[in-house]
Amino acid sequence: MRSATVALRIGSISEDLYENTKLSGITLISARRADSARHRVRFVPQSRAFPCN
């Protein structure tokens, strides 16, 4: 009985982890996209003004 309950717990934990990693992966990707868009907006005018940077 003990091993069965442990296996069930591990299964539910792994499912939770999978859902969390899916969600965090989506948020990470969207955060990276937002950061890259911000950097483009910030650094494009500066690079035009200062070509050395």
N, C-alpha and C. Protein backbone atom coordinates (compact mmCIF):
# COMPACT_ATOMS: atom_id res chain seq x y z
N MET A 1 0.83 -1.21 0.00
CA MET A 1 0.00 0.00 0.00
C MET A 1 0.86 1.25 0.00
N ARG A 2 1.95 1.18 0.77
CA ARG A 2 2.77 2.39 0.88
C ARG A 2 3.37 2.77 -0.48
N SER A 3 3.93 1.79 -1.18
CA SER A 3 4.56 2.10 -2.47
C SER A 3 3.53 2.62 -3.47
N ALA A 4 2.31 2.12 -3.40
CA ALA A 4 1.27 2.58 -4.33
C ALA A 4 0.94 4.05 -4.06
N THR A 5 0.80 4.41 -2.79
CA THR A 5 0.47 5.81 -2.48
C THR A 5 1.63 6.71 -2.85
N VAL A 6 2.87 6.23 -2.63
CA VAL A 6 4.04 7.04 -3.00
C VAL A 6 4.06 7.25 -4.51
N ALA A 7 3.77 6.17 -5.27
CA ALA A 7 3.76 6.29 -6.73
C ALA A 7 2.68 7.27 -7.17
N LEU A 8 1.51 7.21 -6.52
CA LEU A 8 0.44 8.15 -6.87
C LEU A 8 0.87 9.58 -6.57
N ARG A 9 1.52 9.76 -5.42
CA ARG A 9 1.98 11.11 -5.06
C ARG A 9 3.00 11.61 -6.06
N ILE A 10 3.95 10.74 -6.42
CA ILE A 10 4.98 11.15 -7.39
C ILE A 10 4.32 11.50 -8.72
N GLY A 11 3.33 10.70 -9.12
CA GLY A 11 2.63 10.98 -10.38
C GLY A 11 1.95 12.33 -10.35
N SER A 12 1.27 12.64 -9.25
CA SER A 12 0.57 13.93 -9.18
C SER A 12 1.58 15.07 -9.11
N ILE A 13 2.70 14.85 -8.39
CA ILE A 13 3.72 15.90 -8.30
C ILE A 13 4.31 16.16 -9.69
N SER A 14 4.61 15.07 -10.44
CA SER A 14 5.20 15.27 -11.76
C SER A 14 4.21 15.97 -12.69
N GLU A 15 2.92 15.65 -12.55
CA GLU A 15 1.92 16.35 -13.37
C GLU A 15 1.89 17.84 -13.03
N ASP A 16 1.94 18.14 -11.72
CA ASP A 16 1.96 19.54 -11.31
C ASP A 16 3.20 20.24 -11.86
N LEU A 17 4.34 19.55 -11.76
CA LEU A 17 5.58 20.15 -12.27
C LEU A 17 5.47 20.39 -13.77
N TYR A 18 4.88 19.42 -14.48
CA TYR A 18 4.74 19.57 -15.93
C TYR A 18 3.88 20.78 -16.26
N GLU A 19 2.76 20.92 -15.55
CA GLU A 19 1.89 22.09 -15.78
C GLU A 19 2.63 23.38 -15.45
N ASN A 20 3.36 23.37 -14.33
CA ASN A 20 4.08 24.58 -13.93
C ASN A 20 5.15 24.94 -14.97
N THR A 21 5.89 23.93 -15.46
CA THR A 21 6.93 24.23 -16.44
C THR A 21 6.31 24.72 -17.74
N LYS A 22 5.15 24.16 -18.11
CA LYS A 22 4.47 24.66 -19.31
C LYS A 22 4.11 26.13 -19.13
N LEU A 23 3.51 26.45 -17.98
CA LEU A 23 3.10 27.84 -17.74
C LEU A 23 4.32 28.75 -17.67
N SER A 24 5.35 28.31 -16.93
CA SER A 24 6.53 29.17 -16.79
C SER A 24 7.25 29.30 -18.12
N GLY A 25 7.24 28.25 -18.93
CA GLY A 25 7.84 28.36 -20.26
C GLY A 25 7.12 29.37 -21.12
N ILE A 26 5.79 29.37 -21.05
CA ILE A 26 5.02 30.35 -21.83
C ILE A 26 5.33 31.76 -21.34
N THR A 27 5.36 31.94 -20.01
CA THR A 27 5.64 33.28 -19.48
C THR A 27 7.06 33.69 -19.80
N LEU A 28 8.01 32.73 -19.76
CA LEU A 28 9.39 33.06 -20.09
C LEU A 28 9.50 33.50 -21.54
N ILE A 29 8.85 32.77 -22.44
CA ILE A 29 8.92 33.12 -23.86
C ILE A 29 8.32 34.50 -24.09
N SER A 30 7.17 34.77 -23.48
CA SER A 30 6.53 36.07 -23.68
C SER A 30 7.37 37.17 -23.05
N ALA A 31 8.00 36.89 -21.90
CA ALA A 31 8.85 37.89 -21.27
C ALA A 31 10.06 38.18 -22.15
N ARG A 32 10.65 37.13 -22.74
CA ARG A 32 11.79 37.34 -23.63
C ARG A 32 11.39 38.17 -24.83
N ARG A 33 10.22 37.87 -25.39
CA ARG A 33 9.75 38.65 -26.54
C ARG A 33 9.56 40.11 -26.16
N ALA A 34 8.97 40.35 -24.99
CA ALA A 34 8.76 41.73 -24.54
C ALA A 34 10.10 42.42 -24.33
N ASP A 35 11.06 41.70 -23.72
CA ASP A 35 12.38 42.29 -23.50
C ASP A 35 13.05 42.63 -24.82
N SER A 36 12.99 41.71 -25.79
CA SER A 36 13.65 41.99 -27.07
C SER A 36 12.98 43.17 -27.76
N ALA A 37 11.66 43.27 -27.66
CA ALA A 37 10.97 44.42 -28.26
C ALA A 37 11.40 45.71 -27.57
N ARG A 38 11.50 45.67 -26.24
CA ARG A 38 11.95 46.85 -25.49
C ARG A 38 13.36 47.24 -25.90
N HIS A 39 14.25 46.23 -26.01
CA HIS A 39 15.63 46.54 -26.38
C HIS A 39 15.70 47.13 -27.77
N ARG A 40 14.88 46.61 -28.68
CA ARG A 40 14.87 47.18 -30.03
C ARG A 40 14.47 48.65 -29.97
N VAL A 41 13.41 48.93 -29.22
CA VAL A 41 12.93 50.32 -29.15
C VAL A 41 14.00 51.20 -28.51
N ARG A 42 14.67 50.68 -27.48
CA ARG A 42 15.67 51.49 -26.78
C ARG A 42 16.92 51.71 -27.61
N PHE A 43 17.44 50.63 -28.21
CA PHE A 43 18.80 50.70 -28.73
C PHE A 43 18.88 51.09 -30.20
N VAL A 44 17.78 51.02 -30.93
CA VAL A 44 17.87 51.41 -32.34
C VAL A 44 18.16 52.90 -32.49
N PRO A 45 17.47 53.82 -31.79
CA PRO A 45 17.80 55.23 -31.94
C PRO A 45 19.22 55.54 -31.44
N GLN A 46 19.66 54.89 -30.36
CA GLN A 46 21.00 55.14 -29.84
C GLN A 46 22.05 54.70 -30.85
N SER A 47 21.84 53.54 -31.48
CA SER A 47 22.84 53.07 -32.44
C SER A 47 22.89 53.99 -33.66
N ARG A 48 21.77 54.62 -34.01
CA ARG A 48 21.80 55.59 -35.11
C ARG A 48 22.58 56.83 -34.69
N ALA A 49 22.41 57.26 -33.44
CA ALA A 49 23.10 58.46 -32.98
C ALA A 49 24.58 58.17 -32.73
N PHE A 50 24.87 56.98 -32.16
CA PHE A 50 26.25 56.62 -31.84
C PHE A 50 26.59 55.31 -32.53
N PRO A 51 27.20 55.34 -33.70
CA PRO A 51 27.49 54.10 -34.42
C PRO A 51 28.49 53.21 -33.70
N CYS A 52 29.36 53.77 -32.84
CA CYS A 52 30.37 52.95 -32.18
C CYS A 52 29.75 52.02 -31.14
N ASN A 53 28.57 52.39 -30.59
CA ASN A 53 27.95 51.52 -29.57
C ASN A 53 27.15 50.44 -30.26
